Amino acid sequence: MDGRSIAAWVRRNITERRLAVAMVVAGTPTILAGVALYVLPGPGFPFLVIGLSLLITGLVILGAARRRP
């Protein structure tokens, strides 16, 4: 596969809704890992911030897509 066919596949298959759902699905366990690492020894705060940013961005994209006619 060359680069053009991969780019064409991405344009056809990766929709805005799918990207938003993937962000929500990735953000949820990242938040849970951040909360767990707050108690356990480890960098809990960065995981929490990254997870919240993924979750909020995904939800905003889904909300904006829902309002469109």
Protein backbone atom coordinates (compact mmCIF):
# COMPACT_ATOMS: atom_id res chain seq x y z
CA MET A 1 0.00 0.00 0.00
CA ASP A 2 1.33 3.38 -0.85
CA GLY A 3 0.70 6.59 1.07
CA ARG A 4 -2.10 7.79 -1.17
CA SER A 5 -4.24 4.71 -0.69
CA ILE A 6 -3.83 4.88 3.09
CA ALA A 7 -4.85 8.53 3.08
CA ALA A 8 -7.86 7.72 0.92
CA TRP A 9 -8.87 4.91 3.28
CA VAL A 10 -8.64 7.26 6.27
CA ARG A 11 -10.78 9.91 4.54
CA ARG A 12 -13.43 7.31 3.69
CA ASN A 13 -13.58 5.47 7.01
CA ILE A 14 -12.61 7.79 9.85
CA THR A 15 -15.63 10.00 10.39
CA GLU A 16 -15.93 12.77 12.94
CA ARG A 17 -18.35 10.69 15.02
CA ARG A 18 -16.03 7.67 15.09
CA LEU A 19 -13.12 9.84 16.15
CA ALA A 20 -15.19 11.39 18.96
CA VAL A 21 -16.34 7.97 20.21
CA ALA A 22 -12.73 6.73 20.15
CA MET A 23 -11.67 9.76 22.22
CA VAL A 24 -14.37 9.09 24.81
CA VAL A 25 -13.48 5.38 24.94
CA ALA A 26 -9.76 6.18 25.34
CA GLY A 27 -10.35 8.94 27.89
CA THR A 28 -12.43 6.92 30.33
CA PRO A 29 -9.82 4.29 31.29
CA THR A 30 -7.12 6.97 31.29
CA ILE A 31 -9.10 8.91 33.91
CA LEU A 32 -9.55 5.74 35.96
CA ALA A 33 -5.82 5.04 35.75
CA GLY A 34 -5.09 8.60 36.88
CA VAL A 35 -7.41 8.23 39.86
CA ALA A 36 -5.77 4.91 40.78
CA LEU A 37 -2.30 6.41 40.47
CA TYR A 38 -3.30 9.20 42.84
CA VAL A 39 -3.46 6.56 45.57
CA LEU A 40 -0.72 4.30 44.23
CA PRO A 41 2.81 5.58 43.69
CA GLY A 42 2.99 7.09 40.24
CA PRO A 43 2.22 10.13 38.12
CA GLY A 44 -1.52 10.37 38.69
CA PHE A 45 -2.08 14.01 37.80
CA PRO A 46 -0.83 13.86 34.16
CA PHE A 47 -2.98 10.79 33.48
CA LEU A 48 -5.97 12.53 34.97
CA VAL A 49 -5.44 15.68 32.88
CA ILE A 50 -4.91 13.74 29.64
CA GLY A 51 -7.94 11.53 30.29
CA LEU A 52 -10.18 14.49 31.09
CA SER A 53 -9.06 16.36 27.99
CA LEU A 54 -9.78 13.33 25.78
CA LEU A 55 -13.17 12.76 27.38
CA ILE A 56 -14.30 16.39 27.27
CA THR A 57 -13.11 16.90 23.69
CA GLY A 58 -14.89 13.77 22.52
CA LEU A 59 -18.11 14.77 24.25
CA VAL A 60 -17.98 18.29 22.80
CA ILE A 61 -17.51 16.90 19.28
CA LEU A 62 -20.44 14.51 19.76
CA GLY A 63 -22.62 17.30 21.14
CA ALA A 64 -21.78 19.62 18.26
CA ALA A 65 -22.48 16.89 15.71
CA ARG A 66 -25.84 16.20 17.32
CA ARG A 67 -26.96 19.84 17.01
CA ARG A 68 -26.27 19.99 13.27
CA PRO A 69 -29.33 19.49 11.07
